[in-house]
Amino acid sequence: MRLVQEIYTLTSTFPKEELFGLTSQMRRAAVSVPSNIAEGSARNGTKELIHFLSIASGSLSELDTQLELTKLLGYSSDISKIQASLDEANALTLALAKSLKSKLNT
């Protein structure tokens, strides 16, 4: 959720012509992460949670690419704090999926 907040704050400074472009894409990708984790948690089983964690991981990868574009386009020169949050969210998501997979295989 903190990552979503950081992305909304960052994208609020983007040029207005990006409102329906990069701003919208980044916000959707960020919101998708906790939303998919929540949906997977509410489903009936570990396999479904693992599936939704995989989707969340994909959204984190999208967001990583979009952050690099942000830097390349000159919309923000310092994305290190957000990158650290993204890396943390990715590590936690992957660790949870790995743990759940190992429990399924035992």
Foldseek 3Di string as FASTA:
>chain_A
DVLLVVLQVLLVQADPVCVVPLSVLLNVLSVLQVVLCVVQVPDDDLVSNLVSLVVNLVSLVVNVVSVVVCCVVPSDVDCPVSVVVSVVSNVVSVVVSVVSVVVVVD
